[in-house]
Amino acid sequence: MWVQITGAVPYVQRHLPTGGAELHWPLGGQPQLLGPLTRPRVEVIPAGTTLLGVRFHPGVPTLVPGGVADLLDRGVSLDELGHRWVDRIGEAITAAATPRTALLVLQNFLLHRARTAGTDPLVREAVRLLMPWAPRDVGAVANRLGLSVSQFRRRCLWAVGTGPKSLQRTLRFQGFLALAQAGAVATGRRGADGMAGLAVDVGYADQAHLSREVRRLTGLTPSELLGGEFDRCSCGHDHTASYAPFLAGRRWPASV
């Protein structure tokens, strides 16, 4: 979760695939749910906007009854979803003394809602197995879950909005982005350091493979995405809330 405040001029925001949906709630404006992305989505945020942001982990129940497949690569106003609580929570957010307090109001409500809805344990385990730190074949993951590949694909489409292979590609990209934003150093595999090392660490065959996938998912090269620096994000934003939970389950492989 985060607070984004634009300055005196509009801000061009490039939303990137994360594997999950996002809730964007501008103070004084209409909240919108952005479905899972398979490609970049560019939005111009007006000047003087204070935006509350929430990113849902892949497979976590969102605010859409019946799954998120219909929201793939598009956004929808919460009003269109018919939720009765939107006005009530909106009033509490507006009455909050600071944006941080408003974010806590939204956070507490969503946590309560998530506990009530529950999470499919099979999907939660599938997402864990598809993380980039220990690359696995989709068929092997399906077998580990006790499902056929077709059953696994249907379950993933319903809960996440994409098939398992597409989700795995997105998580691998997010793994690279998290390492870069955190200023991580490659694990020291022979002949693989710098950007090439980070690429290998998250499961890309080589740096060229990384470049192709990053351009497909973001519309930019890795250097363009990171502002010219492979080992840090130079846009000036604090991305800790994004990459810290993602890196929490990382296991460092042995050097070779």
C-alpha atoms as a PDB file:
ATOM      1  CA  MET A   1       0.000   0.000   0.000  1.00  0.00           C
ATOM      2  CA  TRP A   2       1.242   3.504  -0.710  1.00  0.00           C
ATOM      3  CA  VAL A   3       0.407   7.198  -0.980  1.00  0.00           C
ATOM      4  CA  GLN A   4       1.284   9.032  -4.192  1.00  0.00           C
ATOM      5  CA  ILE A   5       1.144  12.831  -4.354  1.00  0.00           C
ATOM      6  CA  THR A   6       1.653  14.623  -7.661  1.00  0.00           C
ATOM      7  CA  GLY A   7       3.200  18.072  -7.876  1.00  0.00           C
ATOM      8  CA  ALA A   8       2.296  21.179  -9.818  1.00  0.00           C
ATOM      9  CA  VAL A   9       2.215  19.375 -13.174  1.00  0.00           C
ATOM     10  CA  PRO A  10       0.503  16.147 -14.305  1.00  0.00           C
ATOM     11  CA  TYR A  11       2.483  12.958 -13.756  1.00  0.00           C
ATOM     12  CA  VAL A  12       2.794  10.245 -16.398  1.00  0.00           C
ATOM     13  CA  GLN A  13       2.463   6.916 -14.584  1.00  0.00           C
ATOM     14  CA  ARG A  14       3.478   3.689 -16.316  1.00  0.00           C
ATOM     15  CA  HIS A  15       1.651   0.803 -14.640  1.00  0.00           C
ATOM     16  CA  LEU A  16       3.496  -2.497 -15.036  1.00  0.00           C
ATOM     17  CA  PRO A  17       2.336  -6.126 -14.799  1.00  0.00           C
ATOM     18  CA  THR A  18       2.613  -7.432 -11.227  1.00  0.00           C
ATOM     19  CA  GLY A  19       0.456 -10.556 -11.363  1.00  0.00           C
ATOM     20  CA  GLY A  20      -2.268  -9.003  -9.212  1.00  0.00           C
ATOM     21  CA  ALA A  21      -4.920  -6.298  -9.296  1.00  0.00           C
ATOM     22  CA  GLU A  22      -4.526  -2.783  -7.872  1.00  0.00           C
ATOM     23  CA  LEU A  23      -6.940  -0.357  -6.210  1.00  0.00           C
ATOM     24  CA  HIS A  24      -6.345   3.349  -6.876  1.00  0.00           C
ATOM     25  CA  TRP A  25      -8.323   5.745  -4.661  1.00  0.00           C
ATOM     26  CA  PRO A  26      -7.725   9.464  -5.370  1.00  0.00           C
ATOM     27  CA  LEU A  27      -8.799  11.647  -2.464  1.00  0.00           C
ATOM     28  CA  GLY A  28     -11.901  13.510  -3.591  1.00  0.00           C
ATOM     29  CA  GLY A  29     -12.181  11.357  -6.731  1.00  0.00           C
ATOM     30  CA  GLN A  30     -13.615   8.057  -7.920  1.00  0.00           C
ATOM     31  CA  PRO A  31     -11.819   4.871  -6.792  1.00  0.00           C
ATOM     32  CA  GLN A  32     -10.859   2.455  -9.549  1.00  0.00           C
ATOM     33  CA  LEU A  33      -9.872  -1.198  -9.583  1.00  0.00           C
ATOM     34  CA  LEU A  34      -7.179  -1.980 -12.141  1.00  0.00           C
ATOM     35  CA  GLY A  35      -7.204  -5.609 -13.229  1.00  0.00           C
ATOM     36  CA  PRO A  36      -4.082  -7.755 -13.714  1.00  0.00           C
ATOM     37  CA  LEU A  37      -1.898  -6.525 -16.561  1.00  0.00           C
ATOM     38  CA  THR A  38      -0.132  -8.415 -19.327  1.00  0.00           C
ATOM     39  CA  ARG A  39       1.297  -5.232 -20.876  1.00  0.00           C
ATOM     40  CA  PRO A  40       2.097  -1.678 -19.726  1.00  0.00           C
ATOM     41  CA  ARG A  41      -0.724   0.792 -19.086  1.00  0.00           C
ATOM     42  CA  VAL A  42       0.147   4.493 -19.248  1.00  0.00           C
ATOM     43  CA  GLU A  43      -1.964   6.939 -17.261  1.00  0.00           C
ATOM     44  CA  VAL A  44      -1.668  10.690 -16.775  1.00  0.00           C
ATOM     45  CA  ILE A  45      -2.404  11.575 -13.140  1.00  0.00           C
ATOM     46  CA  PRO A  46      -3.604  15.193 -12.786  1.00  0.00           C
ATOM     47  CA  ALA A  47      -1.504  17.740 -10.923  1.00  0.00           C
ATOM     48  CA  GLY A  48      -2.279  18.141  -7.235  1.00  0.00           C
ATOM     49  CA  THR A  49      -3.623  14.608  -6.837  1.00  0.00           C
ATOM     50  CA  THR A  50      -3.259  12.564  -3.652  1.00  0.00           C
ATOM     51  CA  LEU A  51      -3.746   8.898  -4.486  1.00  0.00           C
ATOM     52  CA  LEU A  52      -4.084   5.932  -2.131  1.00  0.00           C
ATOM     53  CA  GLY A  53      -2.775   2.773  -3.762  1.00  0.00           C
ATOM     54  CA  VAL A  54      -3.273  -0.891  -2.904  1.00  0.00           C
ATOM     55  CA  ARG A  55      -1.674  -3.823  -4.685  1.00  0.00           C
ATOM     56  CA  PHE A  56      -3.214  -7.260  -4.230  1.00  0.00           C
ATOM     57  CA  HIS A  57      -0.993 -10.314  -4.325  1.00  0.00           C
ATOM     58  CA  PRO A  58      -1.820 -12.706  -7.186  1.00  0.00           C
ATOM     59  CA  GLY A  59      -4.745 -14.928  -6.258  1.00  0.00           C
ATOM     60  CA  VAL A  60      -5.810 -12.868  -3.242  1.00  0.00           C
ATOM     61  CA  PRO A  61      -9.579 -12.194  -3.368  1.00  0.00           C
ATOM     62  CA  THR A  62     -10.109  -8.692  -4.677  1.00  0.00           C
ATOM     63  CA  LEU A  63     -13.263  -6.629  -4.911  1.00  0.00           C
ATOM     64  CA  VAL A  64     -14.685  -8.475  -7.925  1.00  0.00           C
ATOM     65  CA  PRO A  65     -17.154 -11.280  -7.291  1.00  0.00           C
ATOM     66  CA  GLY A  66     -16.429 -14.301  -9.461  1.00  0.00           C
ATOM     67  CA  GLY A  67     -12.743 -13.753 -10.197  1.00  0.00           C
ATOM     68  CA  VAL A  68     -10.722 -11.148 -12.059  1.00  0.00           C
ATOM     69  CA  ALA A  69     -10.462 -12.641 -15.556  1.00  0.00           C
ATOM     70  CA  ASP A  70     -12.940 -10.095 -16.954  1.00  0.00           C
ATOM     71  CA  LEU A  71     -10.712  -7.256 -15.714  1.00  0.00           C
ATOM     72  CA  LEU A  72      -7.573  -8.377 -17.506  1.00  0.00           C
ATOM     73  CA  ASP A  73      -5.749  -5.308 -18.863  1.00  0.00           C
ATOM     74  CA  ARG A  74      -8.534  -2.890 -17.976  1.00  0.00           C
ATOM     75  CA  GLY A  75      -9.858  -0.835 -15.081  1.00  0.00           C
ATOM     76  CA  VAL A  76     -13.330  -0.390 -13.649  1.00  0.00           C
ATOM     77  CA  SER A  77     -14.846   2.132 -11.232  1.00  0.00           C
ATOM     78  CA  LEU A  78     -15.844   0.645  -7.878  1.00  0.00           C
ATOM     79  CA  ASP A  79     -19.274   2.190  -8.407  1.00  0.00           C
ATOM     80  CA  GLU A  80     -19.743  -0.095 -11.419  1.00  0.00           C
ATOM     81  CA  LEU A  81     -19.136  -3.124  -9.199  1.00  0.00           C
ATOM     82  CA  GLY A  82     -22.123  -2.201  -7.042  1.00  0.00           C
ATOM     83  CA  HIS A  83     -20.372  -2.250  -3.666  1.00  0.00           C
ATOM     84  CA  ARG A  84     -22.545  -0.614  -1.000  1.00  0.00           C
ATOM     85  CA  TRP A  85     -19.613   0.183   1.252  1.00  0.00           C
ATOM     86  CA  VAL A  86     -17.856   2.552  -1.178  1.00  0.00           C
ATOM     87  CA  ASP A  87     -19.630   5.717   0.009  1.00  0.00           C
ATOM     88  CA  ARG A  88     -19.184   4.799   3.679  1.00  0.00           C
ATOM     89  CA  ILE A  89     -15.450   4.118   3.385  1.00  0.00           C
ATOM     90  CA  GLY A  90     -15.092   7.136   1.107  1.00  0.00           C
ATOM     91  CA  GLU A  91     -16.542   9.396   3.809  1.00  0.00           C
ATOM     92  CA  ALA A  92     -14.150   7.955   6.403  1.00  0.00           C
ATOM     93  CA  ILE A  93     -11.199   8.466   4.055  1.00  0.00           C
ATOM     94  CA  THR A  94     -12.220  12.059   3.327  1.00  0.00           C
ATOM     95  CA  ALA A  95     -12.575  12.768   7.059  1.00  0.00           C
ATOM     96  CA  ALA A  96      -9.079  11.454   7.828  1.00  0.00           C
ATOM     97  CA  ALA A  97      -6.642  14.089   9.067  1.00  0.00           C
ATOM     98  CA  THR A  98      -3.758  13.040   6.782  1.00  0.00           C
ATOM     99  CA  PRO A  99      -3.242  10.848   3.705  1.00  0.00           C
ATOM    100  CA  ARG A 100      -1.415   8.318   5.896  1.00  0.00           C
ATOM    101  CA  THR A 101      -4.394   8.135   8.231  1.00  0.00           C
ATOM    102  CA  ALA A 102      -6.679   7.733   5.217  1.00  0.00           C
ATOM    103  CA  LEU A 103      -4.499   4.858   4.016  1.00  0.00           C
ATOM    104  CA  LEU A 104      -4.834   3.148   7.408  1.00  0.00           C
ATOM    105  CA  VAL A 105      -8.632   3.439   7.164  1.00  0.00           C
ATOM    106  CA  LEU A 106      -8.566   1.748   3.770  1.00  0.00           C
ATOM    107  CA  GLN A 107      -6.039  -0.848   4.920  1.00  0.00           C
ATOM    108  CA  ASN A 108      -8.044  -1.879   7.971  1.00  0.00           C
ATOM    109  CA  PHE A 109     -11.192  -2.252   5.902  1.00  0.00           C
ATOM    110  CA  LEU A 110      -9.496  -4.367   3.231  1.00  0.00           C
ATOM    111  CA  LEU A 111      -7.745  -6.575   5.790  1.00  0.00           C
ATOM    112  CA  HIS A 112     -11.081  -7.276   7.484  1.00  0.00           C
ATOM    113  CA  ARG A 113     -12.663  -8.031   4.124  1.00  0.00           C
ATOM    114  CA  ALA A 114      -9.788 -10.350   3.132  1.00  0.00           C
ATOM    115  CA  ARG A 115     -10.051 -12.304   6.380  1.00  0.00           C
ATOM    116  CA  THR A 116     -13.772 -12.751   5.814  1.00  0.00           C
ATOM    117  CA  ALA A 117     -13.368 -13.837   2.186  1.00  0.00           C
ATOM    118  CA  GLY A 118     -10.403 -16.136   2.776  1.00  0.00           C
ATOM    119  CA  THR A 119      -7.811 -17.192   0.225  1.00  0.00           C
ATOM    120  CA  ASP A 120      -7.739 -20.394  -1.813  1.00  0.00           C
ATOM    121  CA  PRO A 121      -4.795 -22.292  -0.242  1.00  0.00           C
ATOM    122  CA  LEU A 122      -4.104 -24.132  -3.505  1.00  0.00           C
ATOM    123  CA  VAL A 123      -3.763 -20.874  -5.436  1.00  0.00           C
ATOM    124  CA  ARG A 124      -1.607 -19.385  -2.673  1.00  0.00           C
ATOM    125  CA  GLU A 125       0.726 -22.413  -2.893  1.00  0.00           C
ATOM    126  CA  ALA A 126       0.731 -22.212  -6.704  1.00  0.00           C
ATOM    127  CA  VAL A 127       1.903 -18.599  -6.599  1.00  0.00           C
ATOM    128  CA  ARG A 128       4.651 -19.527  -4.138  1.00  0.00           C
ATOM    129  CA  LEU A 129       5.854 -22.332  -6.393  1.00  0.00           C
ATOM    130  CA  LEU A 130       5.855 -20.080  -9.466  1.00  0.00           C
ATOM    131  CA  MET A 131       8.064 -17.437  -7.839  1.00  0.00           C
ATOM    132  CA  PRO A 132      11.376 -16.920  -9.663  1.00  0.00           C
ATOM    133  CA  TRP A 133      13.742 -17.925  -6.876  1.00  0.00           C
ATOM    134  CA  ALA A 134      13.403 -21.648  -7.662  1.00  0.00           C
ATOM    135  CA  PRO A 135      12.260 -21.889 -11.315  1.00  0.00           C
ATOM    136  CA  ARG A 136       9.934 -24.806 -11.988  1.00  0.00           C
ATOM    137  CA  ASP A 137       8.171 -26.156 -15.031  1.00  0.00           C
ATOM    138  CA  VAL A 138       4.427 -25.432 -14.993  1.00  0.00           C
ATOM    139  CA  GLY A 139       3.712 -29.129 -15.428  1.00  0.00           C
ATOM    140  CA  ALA A 140       5.817 -29.927 -12.351  1.00  0.00           C
ATOM    141  CA  VAL A 141       3.912 -27.305 -10.329  1.00  0.00           C
ATOM    142  CA  ALA A 142       0.569 -28.790 -11.434  1.00  0.00           C
ATOM    143  CA  ASN A 143       1.776 -32.238 -10.413  1.00  0.00           C
ATOM    144  CA  ARG A 144       2.947 -30.907  -7.040  1.00  0.00           C
ATOM    145  CA  LEU A 145      -0.562 -29.506  -6.496  1.00  0.00           C
ATOM    146  CA  GLY A 146      -2.254 -32.735  -7.508  1.00  0.00           C
ATOM    147  CA  LEU A 147      -3.832 -31.221 -10.624  1.00  0.00           C
ATOM    148  CA  SER A 148      -3.651 -31.860 -14.325  1.00  0.00           C
ATOM    149  CA  VAL A 149      -2.117 -29.065 -16.387  1.00  0.00           C
ATOM    150  CA  SER A 150      -5.550 -28.155 -17.798  1.00  0.00           C
ATOM    151  CA  GLN A 151      -7.103 -28.096 -14.307  1.00  0.00           C
ATOM    152  CA  PHE A 152      -4.244 -25.927 -13.071  1.00  0.00           C
ATOM    153  CA  ARG A 153      -4.720 -23.521 -15.962  1.00  0.00           C
ATOM    154  CA  ARG A 154      -8.473 -23.180 -15.318  1.00  0.00           C
ATOM    155  CA  ARG A 155      -7.931 -22.621 -11.591  1.00  0.00           C
ATOM    156  CA  CYS A 156      -5.279 -20.008 -12.279  1.00  0.00           C
ATOM    157  CA  LEU A 157      -7.375 -18.190 -14.904  1.00  0.00           C
ATOM    158  CA  TRP A 158     -10.268 -17.865 -12.470  1.00  0.00           C
ATOM    159  CA  ALA A 159      -8.257 -16.702  -9.445  1.00  0.00           C
ATOM    160  CA  VAL A 160      -5.434 -14.712 -11.072  1.00  0.00           C
ATOM    161  CA  GLY A 161      -6.839 -13.715 -14.472  1.00  0.00           C
ATOM    162  CA  THR A 162      -4.022 -15.282 -16.512  1.00  0.00           C
ATOM    163  CA  GLY A 163      -2.676 -18.756 -17.153  1.00  0.00           C
ATOM    164  CA  PRO A 164       0.171 -20.105 -14.983  1.00  0.00           C
ATOM    165  CA  LYS A 165       2.828 -19.605 -17.663  1.00  0.00           C
ATOM    166  CA  SER A 166       1.908 -15.947 -18.095  1.00  0.00           C
ATOM    167  CA  LEU A 167       1.869 -15.485 -14.304  1.00  0.00           C
ATOM    168  CA  GLN A 168       5.283 -17.122 -14.035  1.00  0.00           C
ATOM    169  CA  ARG A 169       6.714 -14.716 -16.629  1.00  0.00           C
ATOM    170  CA  THR A 170       5.282 -11.744 -14.746  1.00  0.00           C
ATOM    171  CA  LEU A 171       6.655 -12.948 -11.403  1.00  0.00           C
ATOM    172  CA  ARG A 172      10.074 -13.507 -12.980  1.00  0.00           C
ATOM    173  CA  PHE A 173      10.053  -9.926 -14.286  1.00  0.00           C
ATOM    174  CA  GLN A 174       8.939  -8.649 -10.875  1.00  0.00           C
ATOM    175  CA  GLY A 175      11.770 -10.626  -9.323  1.00  0.00           C
ATOM    176  CA  PHE A 176      14.301  -8.843 -11.511  1.00  0.00           C
ATOM    177  CA  LEU A 177      12.680  -5.465 -10.821  1.00  0.00           C
ATOM    178  CA  ALA A 178      12.678  -6.110  -7.063  1.00  0.00           C
ATOM    179  CA  LEU A 179      16.381  -6.984  -7.075  1.00  0.00           C
ATOM    180  CA  ALA A 180      17.207  -3.874  -9.100  1.00  0.00           C
ATOM    181  CA  GLN A 181      15.092  -1.571  -6.922  1.00  0.00           C
ATOM    182  CA  ALA A 182      16.676  -3.017  -3.792  1.00  0.00           C
ATOM    183  CA  GLY A 183      20.174  -2.458  -5.194  1.00  0.00           C
ATOM    184  CA  ALA A 184      20.894  -6.190  -4.905  1.00  0.00           C
ATOM    185  CA  VAL A 185      24.170  -7.676  -6.062  1.00  0.00           C
ATOM    186  CA  ALA A 186      24.198 -10.754  -8.275  1.00  0.00           C
ATOM    187  CA  THR A 187      24.960 -14.019  -6.496  1.00  0.00           C
ATOM    188  CA  GLY A 188      28.299 -14.403  -8.246  1.00  0.00           C
ATOM    189  CA  ARG A 189      27.673 -17.199 -10.715  1.00  0.00           C
ATOM    190  CA  ARG A 190      30.603 -17.645 -13.055  1.00  0.00           C
ATOM    191  CA  GLY A 191      30.449 -15.240 -15.992  1.00  0.00           C
ATOM    192  CA  ALA A 192      27.272 -13.581 -14.727  1.00  0.00           C
ATOM    193  CA  ASP A 193      27.536 -10.281 -12.919  1.00  0.00           C
ATOM    194  CA  GLY A 194      25.758  -6.933 -13.125  1.00  0.00           C
ATOM    195  CA  MET A 195      22.495  -6.993 -15.050  1.00  0.00           C
ATOM    196  CA  ALA A 196      23.361 -10.364 -16.613  1.00  0.00           C
ATOM    197  CA  GLY A 197      23.846 -11.795 -13.126  1.00  0.00           C
ATOM    198  CA  LEU A 198      20.488 -10.538 -11.880  1.00  0.00           C
ATOM    199  CA  ALA A 199      18.869 -11.939 -15.031  1.00  0.00           C
ATOM    200  CA  VAL A 200      20.303 -15.393 -14.343  1.00  0.00           C
ATOM    201  CA  ASP A 201      19.384 -15.181 -10.662  1.00  0.00           C
ATOM    202  CA  VAL A 202      15.680 -14.883 -11.458  1.00  0.00           C
ATOM    203  CA  GLY A 203      15.600 -17.551 -14.145  1.00  0.00           C
ATOM    204  CA  TYR A 204      16.272 -15.807 -17.452  1.00  0.00           C
ATOM    205  CA  ALA A 205      18.523 -17.707 -19.845  1.00  0.00           C
ATOM    206  CA  ASP A 206      20.723 -14.652 -20.353  1.00  0.00           C
ATOM    207  CA  GLN A 207      20.646 -10.863 -20.585  1.00  0.00           C
ATOM    208  CA  ALA A 208      19.145 -10.936 -24.083  1.00  0.00           C
ATOM    209  CA  HIS A 209      16.248 -13.032 -22.764  1.00  0.00           C
ATOM    210  CA  LEU A 210      15.735 -10.503 -19.993  1.00  0.00           C
ATOM    211  CA  SER A 211      15.728  -7.605 -22.458  1.00  0.00           C
ATOM    212  CA  ARG A 212      13.103  -9.245 -24.693  1.00  0.00           C
ATOM    213  CA  GLU A 213      10.789 -10.014 -21.784  1.00  0.00           C
ATOM    214  CA  VAL A 214      11.154  -6.587 -20.162  1.00  0.00           C
ATOM    215  CA  ARG A 215      10.348  -4.847 -23.442  1.00  0.00           C
ATOM    216  CA  ARG A 216       7.317  -7.097 -23.959  1.00  0.00           C
ATOM    217  CA  LEU A 217       5.958  -6.416 -20.466  1.00  0.00           C
ATOM    218  CA  THR A 218       6.881  -2.740 -20.102  1.00  0.00           C
ATOM    219  CA  GLY A 219       7.503  -1.312 -23.572  1.00  0.00           C
ATOM    220  CA  LEU A 220      10.999  -0.268 -22.439  1.00  0.00           C
ATOM    221  CA  THR A 221      14.479  -1.729 -22.286  1.00  0.00           C
ATOM    222  CA  PRO A 222      15.814  -2.628 -18.814  1.00  0.00           C
ATOM    223  CA  SER A 223      18.066   0.471 -18.824  1.00  0.00           C
ATOM    224  CA  GLU A 224      15.200   2.737 -19.891  1.00  0.00           C
ATOM    225  CA  LEU A 225      12.968   1.224 -17.209  1.00  0.00           C
ATOM    226  CA  LEU A 226      15.547   1.757 -14.464  1.00  0.00           C
ATOM    227  CA  GLY A 227      16.707   5.170 -15.634  1.00  0.00           C
ATOM    228  CA  GLY A 228      20.044   3.955 -16.935  1.00  0.00           C
ATOM    229  CA  GLU A 229      21.171   2.138 -13.778  1.00  0.00           C
ATOM    230  CA  PHE A 230      20.844  -1.638 -13.608  1.00  0.00           C
ATOM    231  CA  ASP A 231      21.348  -1.900  -9.861  1.00  0.00           C
ATOM    232  CA  ARG A 232      18.942   0.773  -8.636  1.00  0.00           C
ATOM    233  CA  CYS A 233      15.766   2.574  -9.627  1.00  0.00           C
ATOM    234  CA  SER A 234      16.542   6.236 -10.255  1.00  0.00           C
ATOM    235  CA  CYS A 235      12.997   7.613 -10.512  1.00  0.00           C
ATOM    236  CA  GLY A 236      13.237   8.983  -6.972  1.00  0.00           C
ATOM    237  CA  HIS A 237      10.341   6.984  -5.512  1.00  0.00           C
ATOM    238  CA  ASP A 238      10.595   4.778  -2.439  1.00  0.00           C
ATOM    239  CA  HIS A 239       9.756   1.277  -3.694  1.00  0.00           C
ATOM    240  CA  THR A 240      10.380  -0.540  -0.411  1.00  0.00           C
ATOM    241  CA  ALA A 241       6.709  -1.417   0.056  1.00  0.00           C
ATOM    242  CA  SER A 242       6.774  -3.072  -3.353  1.00  0.00           C
ATOM    243  CA  TYR A 243       9.997  -5.063  -3.330  1.00  0.00           C
ATOM    244  CA  ALA A 244      10.475  -5.931   0.359  1.00  0.00           C
ATOM    245  CA  PRO A 245       7.556  -8.405   0.604  1.00  0.00           C
ATOM    246  CA  PHE A 246       8.472  -9.836  -2.785  1.00  0.00           C
ATOM    247  CA  LEU A 247      12.053 -10.542  -1.705  1.00  0.00           C
ATOM    248  CA  ALA A 248      11.046 -11.931   1.687  1.00  0.00           C
ATOM    249  CA  GLY A 249      10.760 -15.489   0.369  1.00  0.00           C
ATOM    250  CA  ARG A 250      13.947 -15.410  -1.651  1.00  0.00           C
ATOM    251  CA  ARG A 251      16.485 -18.170  -1.096  1.00  0.00           C
ATOM    252  CA  TRP A 252      19.983 -17.440  -2.347  1.00  0.00           C
ATOM    253  CA  PRO A 253      21.306 -20.187  -4.616  1.00  0.00           C
ATOM    254  CA  ALA A 254      24.800 -21.511  -4.097  1.00  0.00           C
ATOM    255  CA  SER A 255      27.538 -19.890  -6.183  1.00  0.00           C
ATOM    256  CA  VAL A 256      28.895 -21.966  -9.045  1.00  0.00           C
END
